[in-house]
PDB file of N, CA and C in Angstrom:
ATOM      1  N   MET A   1      22.463 -82.774 -23.008  1.00  0.00           N
ATOM      2  CA  MET A   1      22.857 -84.054 -23.103  1.00  0.00           C
ATOM      3  C   MET A   1      23.993 -84.550 -22.111  1.00  0.00           C
ATOM      4  N   PRO A   2      24.689 -83.592 -21.412  1.00  0.00           N
ATOM      5  CA  PRO A   2      25.617 -83.962 -20.342  1.00  0.00           C
ATOM      6  C   PRO A   2      24.990 -84.690 -19.234  1.00  0.00           C
ATOM      7  N   PRO A   3      23.680 -84.712 -18.738  1.00  0.00           N
ATOM      8  CA  PRO A   3      22.947 -85.566 -17.893  1.00  0.00           C
ATOM      9  C   PRO A   3      22.918 -86.961 -18.388  1.00  0.00           C
ATOM     10  N   LEU A   4      22.553 -87.437 -19.736  1.00  0.00           N
ATOM     11  CA  LEU A   4      22.395 -88.495 -20.407  1.00  0.00           C
ATOM     12  C   LEU A   4      23.772 -89.213 -20.526  1.00  0.00           C
ATOM     13  N   THR A   5      24.678 -88.483 -20.816  1.00  0.00           N
ATOM     14  CA  THR A   5      26.219 -89.035 -20.962  1.00  0.00           C
ATOM     15  C   THR A   5      26.623 -89.435 -19.692  1.00  0.00           C
ATOM     16  N   PHE A   6      26.412 -88.661 -18.561  1.00  0.00           N
ATOM     17  CA  PHE A   6      26.849 -88.985 -17.348  1.00  0.00           C
ATOM     18  C   PHE A   6      26.102 -90.215 -16.681  1.00  0.00           C
ATOM     19  N   LEU A   7      24.931 -90.287 -16.935  1.00  0.00           N
ATOM     20  CA  LEU A   7      24.122 -91.410 -16.566  1.00  0.00           C
ATOM     21  C   LEU A   7      24.706 -92.639 -17.264  1.00  0.00           C
ATOM     22  N   ALA A   8      24.774 -92.502 -18.517  1.00  0.00           N
ATOM     23  CA  ALA A   8      25.464 -93.737 -19.240  1.00  0.00           C
ATOM     24  C   ALA A   8      26.882 -94.378 -18.844  1.00  0.00           C
ATOM     25  N   GLU A   9      27.853 -93.139 -18.619  1.00  0.00           N
ATOM     26  CA  GLU A   9      29.189 -93.419 -18.251  1.00  0.00           C
ATOM     27  C   GLU A   9      29.299 -94.067 -16.653  1.00  0.00           C
ATOM     28  N   THR A  10      28.191 -93.440 -15.767  1.00  0.00           N
ATOM     29  CA  THR A  10      28.339 -93.787 -14.471  1.00  0.00           C
ATOM     30  C   THR A  10      27.847 -95.246 -14.382  1.00  0.00           C
ATOM     31  N   TYR A  11      26.869 -95.810 -15.215  1.00  0.00           N
ATOM     32  CA  TYR A  11      26.417 -97.007 -15.246  1.00  0.00           C
ATOM     33  C   TYR A  11      27.484 -98.073 -15.675  1.00  0.00           C
ATOM     34  N   LYS A  12      28.278 -97.509 -16.659  1.00  0.00           N
ATOM     35  CA  LYS A  12      29.292 -98.577 -17.102  1.00  0.00           C
ATOM     36  C   LYS A  12      30.338 -98.763 -16.116  1.00  0.00           C
ATOM     37  N   GLN A  13      30.732 -97.688 -15.469  1.00  0.00           N
ATOM     38  CA  GLN A  13      31.792 -97.538 -14.474  1.00  0.00           C
ATOM     39  C   GLN A  13      31.456 -98.457 -13.300  1.00  0.00           C
ATOM     40  N   LYS A  14      30.220 -98.450 -12.750  1.00  0.00           N
ATOM     41  CA  LYS A  14      29.605 -99.370 -11.632  1.00  0.00           C
ATOM     42  C   LYS A  14      29.110-100.744 -12.029  1.00  0.00           C
ATOM     43  N   ASN A  15      29.021-100.991 -13.324  1.00  0.00           N
ATOM     44  CA  ASN A  15      28.409-102.271 -13.852  1.00  0.00           C
ATOM     45  C   ASN A  15      29.590-102.984 -14.758  1.00  0.00           C
ATOM     46  N   GLY A  16      30.572-102.560 -15.026  1.00  0.00           N
ATOM     47  CA  GLY A  16      31.554-102.998 -15.985  1.00  0.00           C
ATOM     48  C   GLY A  16      31.384-102.359 -17.438  1.00  0.00           C
ATOM     49  N   SER A  17      32.537-102.236 -18.069  1.00  0.00           N
ATOM     50  CA  SER A  17      32.585-101.280 -19.353  1.00  0.00           C
ATOM     51  C   SER A  17      31.663-101.888 -20.354  1.00  0.00           C
ATOM     52  N   LYS A  18      31.237-103.153 -20.447  1.00  0.00           N
ATOM     53  CA  LYS A  18      30.218-103.486 -21.515  1.00  0.00           C
ATOM     54  C   LYS A  18      28.917-103.610 -21.238  1.00  0.00           C
ATOM     55  N   SER A  19      28.606-103.187 -19.832  1.00  0.00           N
ATOM     56  CA  SER A  19      27.299-103.295 -19.631  1.00  0.00           C
ATOM     57  C   SER A  19      26.677-101.848 -19.870  1.00  0.00           C
ATOM     58  N   VAL A  20      25.485-101.733 -20.356  1.00  0.00           N
ATOM     59  CA  VAL A  20      24.633-100.443 -20.733  1.00  0.00           C
ATOM     60  C   VAL A  20      23.274-100.461 -20.329  1.00  0.00           C
ATOM     61  N   ASP A  21      22.939 -99.153 -19.517  1.00  0.00           N
ATOM     62  CA  ASP A  21      21.768 -98.974 -19.222  1.00  0.00           C
ATOM     63  C   ASP A  21      20.797 -98.453 -20.403  1.00  0.00           C
ATOM     64  N   LEU A  22      20.101 -99.450 -20.878  1.00  0.00           N
ATOM     65  CA  LEU A  22      19.432 -99.398 -22.335  1.00  0.00           C
ATOM     66  C   LEU A  22      18.574 -97.970 -22.345  1.00  0.00           C
ATOM     67  N   VAL A  23      17.835 -97.661 -21.538  1.00  0.00           N
ATOM     68  CA  VAL A  23      16.915 -96.529 -21.723  1.00  0.00           C
ATOM     69  C   VAL A  23      17.669 -95.106 -21.916  1.00  0.00           C
ATOM     70  N   PRO A  24      18.623 -94.749 -20.948  1.00  0.00           N
ATOM     71  CA  PRO A  24      19.234 -93.691 -21.134  1.00  0.00           C
ATOM     72  C   PRO A  24      20.244 -93.493 -22.312  1.00  0.00           C
ATOM     73  N   THR A  25      20.822 -94.639 -22.789  1.00  0.00           N
ATOM     74  CA  THR A  25      21.415 -94.788 -23.879  1.00  0.00           C
ATOM     75  C   THR A  25      20.730 -94.540 -25.259  1.00  0.00           C
ATOM     76  N   LEU A  26      19.443 -94.992 -25.140  1.00  0.00           N
ATOM     77  CA  LEU A  26      18.631 -94.653 -26.407  1.00  0.00           C
ATOM     78  C   LEU A  26      18.191 -93.287 -26.478  1.00  0.00           C
ATOM     79  N   TYR A  27      17.851 -92.766 -25.248  1.00  0.00           N
ATOM     80  CA  TYR A  27      17.548 -91.474 -25.074  1.00  0.00           C
ATOM     81  C   TYR A  27      18.956 -90.570 -25.559  1.00  0.00           C
ATOM     82  N   LEU A  28      20.110 -90.787 -25.307  1.00  0.00           N
ATOM     83  CA  LEU A  28      21.241 -90.166 -25.578  1.00  0.00           C
ATOM     84  C   LEU A  28      21.470 -90.393 -27.173  1.00  0.00           C
ATOM     85  N   SER A  29      21.242 -91.562 -27.742  1.00  0.00           N
ATOM     86  CA  SER A  29      21.241 -91.510 -29.324  1.00  0.00           C
ATOM     87  C   SER A  29      20.384 -90.827 -29.810  1.00  0.00           C
ATOM     88  N   VAL A  30      19.087 -90.611 -29.360  1.00  0.00           N
ATOM     89  CA  VAL A  30      18.156 -89.791 -30.068  1.00  0.00           C
ATOM     90  C   VAL A  30      18.587 -88.367 -29.828  1.00  0.00           C
ATOM     91  N   ALA A  31      18.984 -87.842 -28.903  1.00  0.00           N
ATOM     92  CA  ALA A  31      19.342 -86.519 -28.560  1.00  0.00           C
ATOM     93  C   ALA A  31      20.344 -85.967 -29.393  1.00  0.00           C
ATOM     94  N   LEU A  32      21.445 -87.022 -29.661  1.00  0.00           N
ATOM     95  CA  LEU A  32      22.609 -86.662 -30.389  1.00  0.00           C
ATOM     96  C   LEU A  32      22.323 -86.620 -31.867  1.00  0.00           C
ATOM     97  N   SER A  33      21.300 -87.477 -32.307  1.00  0.00           N
ATOM     98  CA  SER A  33      20.967 -87.284 -33.542  1.00  0.00           C
ATOM     99  C   SER A  33      20.314 -85.945 -34.155  1.00  0.00           C
ATOM    100  N   ARG A  34      19.937 -85.294 -33.103  1.00  0.00           N
ATOM    101  CA  ARG A  34      19.452 -84.080 -33.391  1.00  0.00           C
ATOM    102  C   ARG A  34      20.266 -82.784 -33.549  1.00  0.00           C
ATOM    103  N   VAL A  35      21.667 -83.053 -33.039  1.00  0.00           N
ATOM    104  CA  VAL A  35      22.698 -82.091 -33.211  1.00  0.00           C
ATOM    105  C   VAL A  35      23.650 -82.316 -34.243  1.00  0.00           C
ATOM    106  N   GLU A  36      23.747 -81.316 -35.011  1.00  0.00           N
ATOM    107  CA  GLU A  36      24.449 -81.316 -36.209  1.00  0.00           C
ATOM    108  C   GLU A  36      26.036 -81.671 -35.870  1.00  0.00           C
ATOM    109  N   GLY A  37      26.465 -82.546 -36.592  1.00  0.00           N
ATOM    110  CA  GLY A  37      28.016 -83.100 -36.288  1.00  0.00           C
ATOM    111  C   GLY A  37      28.082 -84.229 -35.364  1.00  0.00           C
ATOM    112  N   GLU A  38      26.941 -84.508 -34.703  1.00  0.00           N
ATOM    113  CA  GLU A  38      26.987 -85.762 -33.764  1.00  0.00           C
ATOM    114  C   GLU A  38      26.480 -87.046 -34.515  1.00  0.00           C
ATOM    115  N   GLU A  39      26.315 -87.076 -35.451  1.00  0.00           N
ATOM    116  CA  GLU A  39      25.628 -88.232 -36.067  1.00  0.00           C
ATOM    117  C   GLU A  39      26.197 -89.549 -35.871  1.00  0.00           C
ATOM    118  N   GLU A  40      27.635 -89.496 -36.093  1.00  0.00           N
ATOM    119  CA  GLU A  40      28.197 -90.959 -35.677  1.00  0.00           C
ATOM    120  C   GLU A  40      28.307 -91.213 -34.262  1.00  0.00           C
ATOM    121  N   ARG A  41      28.275 -90.142 -33.507  1.00  0.00           N
ATOM    122  CA  ARG A  41      28.213 -90.468 -32.110  1.00  0.00           C
ATOM    123  C   ARG A  41      26.920 -91.019 -31.684  1.00  0.00           C
ATOM    124  N   SER A  42      25.813 -90.466 -32.437  1.00  0.00           N
ATOM    125  CA  SER A  42      24.492 -91.094 -31.953  1.00  0.00           C
ATOM    126  C   SER A  42      24.272 -92.549 -32.565  1.00  0.00           C
ATOM    127  N   ILE A  43      24.973 -92.878 -33.790  1.00  0.00           N
ATOM    128  CA  ILE A  43      24.867 -94.169 -34.172  1.00  0.00           C
ATOM    129  C   ILE A  43      25.641 -95.080 -33.350  1.00  0.00           C
ATOM    130  N   ARG A  44      26.756 -94.739 -32.917  1.00  0.00           N
ATOM    131  CA  ARG A  44      27.337 -95.622 -31.885  1.00  0.00           C
ATOM    132  C   ARG A  44      26.723 -95.794 -30.571  1.00  0.00           C
ATOM    133  N   ALA A  45      25.999 -94.562 -29.999  1.00  0.00           N
ATOM    134  CA  ALA A  45      25.287 -94.900 -29.013  1.00  0.00           C
ATOM    135  C   ALA A  45      24.127 -95.913 -29.278  1.00  0.00           C
ATOM    136  N   PHE A  46      23.606 -95.615 -30.357  1.00  0.00           N
ATOM    137  CA  PHE A  46      22.355 -96.551 -30.642  1.00  0.00           C
ATOM    138  C   PHE A  46      22.755 -97.956 -30.701  1.00  0.00           C
ATOM    139  N   LYS A  47      23.849 -98.179 -31.381  1.00  0.00           N
ATOM    140  CA  LYS A  47      24.408 -99.741 -31.519  1.00  0.00           C
ATOM    141  C   LYS A  47      24.765-100.344 -30.155  1.00  0.00           C
ATOM    142  N   GLU A  48      25.253 -99.385 -29.358  1.00  0.00           N
ATOM    143  CA  GLU A  48      25.893 -99.846 -28.082  1.00  0.00           C
ATOM    144  C   GLU A  48      24.664-100.251 -27.291  1.00  0.00           C
ATOM    145  N   GLY A  49      23.755 -99.467 -27.278  1.00  0.00           N
ATOM    146  CA  GLY A  49      22.321 -99.772 -26.606  1.00  0.00           C
ATOM    147  C   GLY A  49      21.594-101.002 -27.146  1.00  0.00           C
ATOM    148  N   SER A  50      21.433-101.076 -28.468  1.00  0.00           N
ATOM    149  CA  SER A  50      20.618-102.058 -29.114  1.00  0.00           C
ATOM    150  C   SER A  50      21.414-103.458 -29.070  1.00  0.00           C
ATOM    151  N   SER A  51      22.801-103.360 -28.991  1.00  0.00           N
ATOM    152  CA  SER A  51      23.392-104.893 -28.812  1.00  0.00           C
ATOM    153  C   SER A  51      23.184-105.310 -27.468  1.00  0.00           C
ATOM    154  N   ASN A  52      22.659-104.562 -26.468  1.00  0.00           N
ATOM    155  CA  ASN A  52      22.712-105.140 -25.064  1.00  0.00           C
ATOM    156  C   ASN A  52      21.148-105.025 -24.650  1.00  0.00           C
ATOM    157  N   ASN A  53      20.323-104.915 -25.596  1.00  0.00           N
ATOM    158  CA  ASN A  53      18.905-104.699 -25.107  1.00  0.00           C
ATOM    159  C   ASN A  53      18.192-105.967 -24.383  1.00  0.00           C
ATOM    160  N   PHE A  54      18.829-107.114 -24.659  1.00  0.00           N
ATOM    161  CA  PHE A  54      18.228-108.451 -23.979  1.00  0.00           C
ATOM    162  C   PHE A  54      19.190-108.832 -23.118  1.00  0.00           C
ATOM    163  N   SER A  55      20.050-107.931 -22.341  1.00  0.00           N
ATOM    164  CA  SER A  55      20.835-108.380 -21.254  1.00  0.00           C
ATOM    165  C   SER A  55      20.246-108.900 -19.881  1.00  0.00           C
ATOM    166  N   ASN A  56      19.111-108.231 -19.845  1.00  0.00           N
ATOM    167  CA  ASN A  56      18.327-108.711 -18.462  1.00  0.00           C
ATOM    168  C   ASN A  56      17.178-109.558 -18.941  1.00  0.00           C
ATOM    169  N   GLY A  57      17.264-110.322 -20.047  1.00  0.00           N
ATOM    170  CA  GLY A  57      16.079-111.145 -20.648  1.00  0.00           C
ATOM    171  C   GLY A  57      15.199-110.420 -21.406  1.00  0.00           C
ATOM    172  N   PRO A  58      14.454-111.063 -22.394  1.00  0.00           N
ATOM    173  CA  PRO A  58      13.478-110.431 -23.302  1.00  0.00           C
ATOM    174  C   PRO A  58      12.459-109.692 -22.765  1.00  0.00           C
ATOM    175  N   PHE A  59      11.869-109.750 -21.453  1.00  0.00           N
ATOM    176  CA  PHE A  59      10.800-109.127 -20.958  1.00  0.00           C
ATOM    177  C   PHE A  59      11.392-107.691 -20.241  1.00  0.00           C
ATOM    178  N   GLU A  60      12.586-107.463 -20.151  1.00  0.00           N
ATOM    179  CA  GLU A  60      13.145-106.134 -19.547  1.00  0.00           C
ATOM    180  C   GLU A  60      13.349-105.170 -20.648  1.00  0.00           C
ATOM    181  N   VAL A  61      13.086-105.455 -21.889  1.00  0.00           N
ATOM    182  CA  VAL A  61      13.113-104.473 -23.226  1.00  0.00           C
ATOM    183  C   VAL A  61      11.943-103.541 -23.019  1.00  0.00           C
ATOM    184  N   PRO A  62      12.156-102.299 -22.765  1.00  0.00           N
ATOM    185  CA  PRO A  62      11.138-101.509 -22.875  1.00  0.00           C
ATOM    186  C   PRO A  62      10.646-101.354 -24.399  1.00  0.00           C
ATOM    187  N   ALA A  63       9.623-101.891 -24.784  1.00  0.00           N
ATOM    188  CA  ALA A  63       9.306-101.889 -26.162  1.00  0.00           C
ATOM    189  C   ALA A  63       9.159-100.722 -26.842  1.00  0.00           C
ATOM    190  N   LEU A  64       8.290 -99.619 -26.205  1.00  0.00           N
ATOM    191  CA  LEU A  64       7.925 -98.387 -26.646  1.00  0.00           C
ATOM    192  C   LEU A  64       8.900 -97.588 -26.968  1.00  0.00           C
ATOM    193  N   ASN A  65      10.006 -97.746 -25.841  1.00  0.00           N
ATOM    194  CA  ASN A  65      11.198 -96.820 -26.192  1.00  0.00           C
ATOM    195  C   ASN A  65      12.305 -97.300 -27.047  1.00  0.00           C
ATOM    196  N   LEU A  66      12.187 -98.599 -27.414  1.00  0.00           N
ATOM    197  CA  LEU A  66      13.182 -99.273 -28.687  1.00  0.00           C
ATOM    198  C   LEU A  66      12.306 -98.987 -29.756  1.00  0.00           C
ATOM    199  N   ILE A  67      10.973 -98.878 -29.948  1.00  0.00           N
ATOM    200  CA  ILE A  67      10.227 -98.476 -31.215  1.00  0.00           C
ATOM    201  C   ILE A  67      10.654 -97.116 -31.746  1.00  0.00           C
ATOM    202  N   TRP A  68      10.501 -96.196 -30.449  1.00  0.00           N
ATOM    203  CA  TRP A  68      10.811 -94.897 -30.817  1.00  0.00           C
ATOM    204  C   TRP A  68      12.255 -94.761 -31.180  1.00  0.00           C
ATOM    205  N   ALA A  69      13.220 -95.302 -30.465  1.00  0.00           N
ATOM    206  CA  ALA A  69      14.575 -95.036 -30.814  1.00  0.00           C
ATOM    207  C   ALA A  69      14.954 -95.538 -32.356  1.00  0.00           C
ATOM    208  N   ARG A  70      14.468 -96.860 -32.383  1.00  0.00           N
ATOM    209  CA  ARG A  70      14.579 -97.482 -33.885  1.00  0.00           C
ATOM    210  C   ARG A  70      14.177 -96.557 -34.979  1.00  0.00           C
ATOM    211  N   ALA A  71      12.767 -95.985 -34.797  1.00  0.00           N
ATOM    212  CA  ALA A  71      12.418 -94.984 -35.757  1.00  0.00           C
ATOM    213  C   ALA A  71      13.236 -93.863 -36.129  1.00  0.00           C
ATOM    214  N   ASN A  72      13.552 -93.190 -34.804  1.00  0.00           N
ATOM    215  CA  ASN A  72      14.528 -91.969 -35.137  1.00  0.00           C
ATOM    216  C   ASN A  72      15.850 -92.399 -35.597  1.00  0.00           C
ATOM    217  N   HIS A  73      16.311 -93.451 -35.235  1.00  0.00           N
ATOM    218  CA  HIS A  73      17.629 -93.994 -36.033  1.00  0.00           C
ATOM    219  C   HIS A  73      17.448 -94.135 -37.370  1.00  0.00           C
ATOM    220  N   ALA A  74      16.419 -94.812 -37.827  1.00  0.00           N
ATOM    221  CA  ALA A  74      16.132 -94.692 -39.345  1.00  0.00           C
ATOM    222  C   ALA A  74      16.115 -93.538 -39.871  1.00  0.00           C
ATOM    223  N   ARG A  75      15.333 -92.465 -39.335  1.00  0.00           N
ATOM    224  CA  ARG A  75      15.320 -91.195 -39.839  1.00  0.00           C
ATOM    225  C   ARG A  75      16.679 -90.597 -40.175  1.00  0.00           C
ATOM    226  N   LEU A  76      17.443 -90.832 -39.107  1.00  0.00           N
ATOM    227  CA  LEU A  76      18.862 -90.119 -39.050  1.00  0.00           C
ATOM    228  C   LEU A  76      19.663 -90.702 -40.038  1.00  0.00           C
ATOM    229  N   LEU A  77      19.447 -92.166 -40.401  1.00  0.00           N
ATOM    230  CA  LEU A  77      20.223 -93.030 -41.312  1.00  0.00           C
ATOM    231  C   LEU A  77      19.695 -92.596 -42.766  1.00  0.00           C
ATOM    232  N   ARG A  78      18.534 -92.051 -42.923  1.00  0.00           N
ATOM    233  CA  ARG A  78      18.028 -91.775 -44.074  1.00  0.00           C
ATOM    234  C   ARG A  78      18.576 -90.270 -44.528  1.00  0.00           C
ATOM    235  N   ARG A  79      18.764 -89.460 -43.593  1.00  0.00           N
ATOM    236  CA  ARG A  79      19.364 -88.148 -43.629  1.00  0.00           C
ATOM    237  C   ARG A  79      20.708 -88.293 -44.159  1.00  0.00           C
ATOM    238  N   MET A  80      21.399 -89.224 -43.736  1.00  0.00           N
ATOM    239  CA  MET A  80      22.854 -89.694 -43.951  1.00  0.00           C
ATOM    240  C   MET A  80      22.805 -90.399 -45.253  1.00  0.00           C
ATOM    241  N   ASN A  81      21.769 -90.527 -46.120  1.00  0.00           N
ATOM    242  CA  ASN A  81      21.713 -91.440 -47.106  1.00  0.00           C
ATOM    243  C   ASN A  81      22.127 -92.651 -47.126  1.00  0.00           C
ATOM    244  N   ARG A  82      22.038 -93.434 -45.930  1.00  0.00           N
ATOM    245  CA  ARG A  82      22.410 -94.853 -45.735  1.00  0.00           C
ATOM    246  C   ARG A  82      20.959 -95.674 -45.736  1.00  0.00           C
ATOM    247  N   THR A  83      20.547 -95.608 -46.759  1.00  0.00           N
ATOM    248  CA  THR A  83      18.990 -95.946 -46.953  1.00  0.00           C
ATOM    249  C   THR A  83      18.742 -97.482 -46.720  1.00  0.00           C
ATOM    250  N   ALA A  84      19.903 -98.579 -46.972  1.00  0.00           N
ATOM    251  CA  ALA A  84      19.531 -99.804 -46.753  1.00  0.00           C
ATOM    252  C   ALA A  84      19.767-100.032 -45.088  1.00  0.00           C
ATOM    253  N   GLU A  85      20.580 -99.318 -44.480  1.00  0.00           N
ATOM    254  CA  GLU A  85      20.362 -99.605 -43.170  1.00  0.00           C
ATOM    255  C   GLU A  85      19.136 -98.952 -42.376  1.00  0.00           C
ATOM    256  N   ALA A  86      18.802 -97.882 -43.098  1.00  0.00           N
ATOM    257  CA  ALA A  86      17.546 -97.197 -42.360  1.00  0.00           C
ATOM    258  C   ALA A  86      16.238 -98.168 -42.811  1.00  0.00           C
ATOM    259  N   GLU A  87      16.320 -98.951 -43.957  1.00  0.00           N
ATOM    260  CA  GLU A  87      15.181 -99.799 -44.122  1.00  0.00           C
ATOM    261  C   GLU A  87      15.048-100.937 -43.244  1.00  0.00           C
ATOM    262  N   LYS A  88      16.239-101.392 -42.944  1.00  0.00           N
ATOM    263  CA  LYS A  88      16.518-102.588 -41.913  1.00  0.00           C
ATOM    264  C   LYS A  88      15.990-102.033 -40.622  1.00  0.00           C
ATOM    265  N   GLN A  89      16.336-100.966 -39.910  1.00  0.00           N
ATOM    266  CA  GLN A  89      15.798-100.489 -38.819  1.00  0.00           C
ATOM    267  C   GLN A  89      14.278-100.162 -38.992  1.00  0.00           C
ATOM    268  N   GLU A  90      13.734 -99.848 -40.041  1.00  0.00           N
ATOM    269  CA  GLU A  90      12.375 -99.613 -40.012  1.00  0.00           C
ATOM    270  C   GLU A  90      11.637-101.083 -39.953  1.00  0.00           C
ATOM    271  N   ARG A  91      12.021-102.074 -40.575  1.00  0.00           N
ATOM    272  CA  ARG A  91      11.780-103.390 -40.321  1.00  0.00           C
ATOM    273  C   ARG A  91      11.710-103.847 -39.140  1.00  0.00           C
ATOM    274  N   LEU A  92      12.778-103.604 -38.417  1.00  0.00           N
ATOM    275  CA  LEU A  92      12.906-104.172 -37.057  1.00  0.00           C
ATOM    276  C   LEU A  92      11.984-103.367 -36.115  1.00  0.00           C
ATOM    277  N   SER A  93      11.851-102.173 -36.490  1.00  0.00           N
ATOM    278  CA  SER A  93      10.805-101.310 -35.500  1.00  0.00           C
ATOM    279  C   SER A  93       9.385-101.799 -35.604  1.00  0.00           C
ATOM    280  N   ARG A  94       8.970-102.109 -37.060  1.00  0.00           N
ATOM    281  CA  ARG A  94       7.674-102.941 -37.103  1.00  0.00           C
ATOM    282  C   ARG A  94       7.535-104.207 -36.632  1.00  0.00           C
ATOM    283  N   TYR A  95       8.521-105.022 -36.499  1.00  0.00           N
ATOM    284  CA  TYR A  95       8.551-106.364 -35.799  1.00  0.00           C
ATOM    285  C   TYR A  95       8.340-105.822 -34.205  1.00  0.00           C
ATOM    286  N   VAL A  96       9.168-105.253 -33.795  1.00  0.00           N
ATOM    287  CA  VAL A  96       8.936-105.002 -32.270  1.00  0.00           C
ATOM    288  C   VAL A  96       7.683-104.261 -32.066  1.00  0.00           C
ATOM    289  N   PHE A  97       6.941-103.513 -32.834  1.00  0.00           N
ATOM    290  CA  PHE A  97       5.668-102.906 -32.523  1.00  0.00           C
ATOM    291  C   PHE A  97       4.669-104.190 -32.567  1.00  0.00           C
ATOM    292  N   VAL A  98       4.909-105.056 -33.671  1.00  0.00           N
ATOM    293  CA  VAL A  98       3.822-106.045 -33.876  1.00  0.00           C
ATOM    294  C   VAL A  98       3.815-106.996 -32.728  1.00  0.00           C
ATOM    295  N   SER A  99       4.947-107.376 -32.395  1.00  0.00           N
ATOM    296  CA  SER A  99       5.341-108.246 -31.002  1.00  0.00           C
ATOM    297  C   SER A  99       4.915-107.489 -29.815  1.00  0.00           C
ATOM    298  N   PHE A 100       5.144-106.266 -29.707  1.00  0.00           N
ATOM    299  CA  PHE A 100       4.501-105.618 -28.428  1.00  0.00           C
ATOM    300  C   PHE A 100       3.063-105.646 -28.599  1.00  0.00           C
ATOM    301  N   ASN A 101       2.314-105.417 -29.636  1.00  0.00           N
ATOM    302  CA  ASN A 101       0.910-105.371 -29.586  1.00  0.00           C
ATOM    303  C   ASN A 101       0.349-106.731 -29.262  1.00  0.00           C
ATOM    304  N   ASP A 102       0.997-107.766 -29.836  1.00  0.00           N
ATOM    305  CA  ASP A 102       0.462-109.125 -29.707  1.00  0.00           C
ATOM    306  C   ASP A 102       0.642-109.482 -28.277  1.00  0.00           C
ATOM    307  N   THR A 103       1.476-108.950 -27.580  1.00  0.00           N
ATOM    308  CA  THR A 103       1.974-109.183 -26.010  1.00  0.00           C
ATOM    309  C   THR A 103       0.945-108.535 -25.199  1.00  0.00           C
ATOM    310  N   VAL A 104       0.631-107.185 -25.608  1.00  0.00           N
ATOM    311  CA  VAL A 104      -0.258-106.423 -24.833  1.00  0.00           C
ATOM    312  C   VAL A 104      -1.654-106.976 -25.150  1.00  0.00           C
ATOM    313  N   ALA A 105      -2.079-107.356 -26.304  1.00  0.00           N
ATOM    314  CA  ALA A 105      -3.527-107.855 -26.716  1.00  0.00           C
ATOM    315  C   ALA A 105      -3.626-109.226 -25.758  1.00  0.00           C
ATOM    316  N   HIS A 106      -2.527-110.170 -25.865  1.00  0.00           N
ATOM    317  CA  HIS A 106      -2.626-111.242 -24.887  1.00  0.00           C
ATOM    318  C   HIS A 106      -2.755-111.061 -23.518  1.00  0.00           C
ATOM    319  N   ASN A 107      -2.187-109.973 -22.851  1.00  0.00           N
ATOM    320  CA  ASN A 107      -2.275-109.836 -21.559  1.00  0.00           C
ATOM    321  C   ASN A 107      -3.728-109.109 -21.363  1.00  0.00           C
ATOM    322  N   ILE A 108      -4.150-108.537 -22.133  1.00  0.00           N
ATOM    323  CA  ILE A 108      -5.429-107.846 -21.862  1.00  0.00           C
ATOM    324  C   ILE A 108      -6.779-108.854 -22.026  1.00  0.00           C
ATOM    325  N   LEU A 109      -6.479-109.826 -22.960  1.00  0.00           N
ATOM    326  CA  LEU A 109      -7.577-110.947 -23.422  1.00  0.00           C
ATOM    327  C   LEU A 109      -7.238-111.965 -22.148  1.00  0.00           C
ATOM    328  N   PHE A 110      -6.249-112.364 -21.775  1.00  0.00           N
ATOM    329  CA  PHE A 110      -6.104-113.363 -20.707  1.00  0.00           C
ATOM    330  C   PHE A 110      -5.628-112.894 -19.592  1.00  0.00           C
TER     331      PHE A 110
END
């Protein structure tokens, strides 16, 4: 995880403390969720990344990475008995998946 932490922190230093590089931040969140005792840090990384996921416009969001990270985040929340929050993330990941599939289908057909 040190390389992911380094990437996230370096990006913040170069682009402002509120700016986040989405994909490495999501990967960091997923990696932290698999380490016992790092659950809260994982949640903070996920929230930080997901709160900035449209900073470059809606078409810059890597949908498959976002779906994967949201599903992982929901599993983490369920392990922590935070069921209501987990259900919200599951609904959001389904919404992103449907939206992504509609966009892909549209691009293939037209």
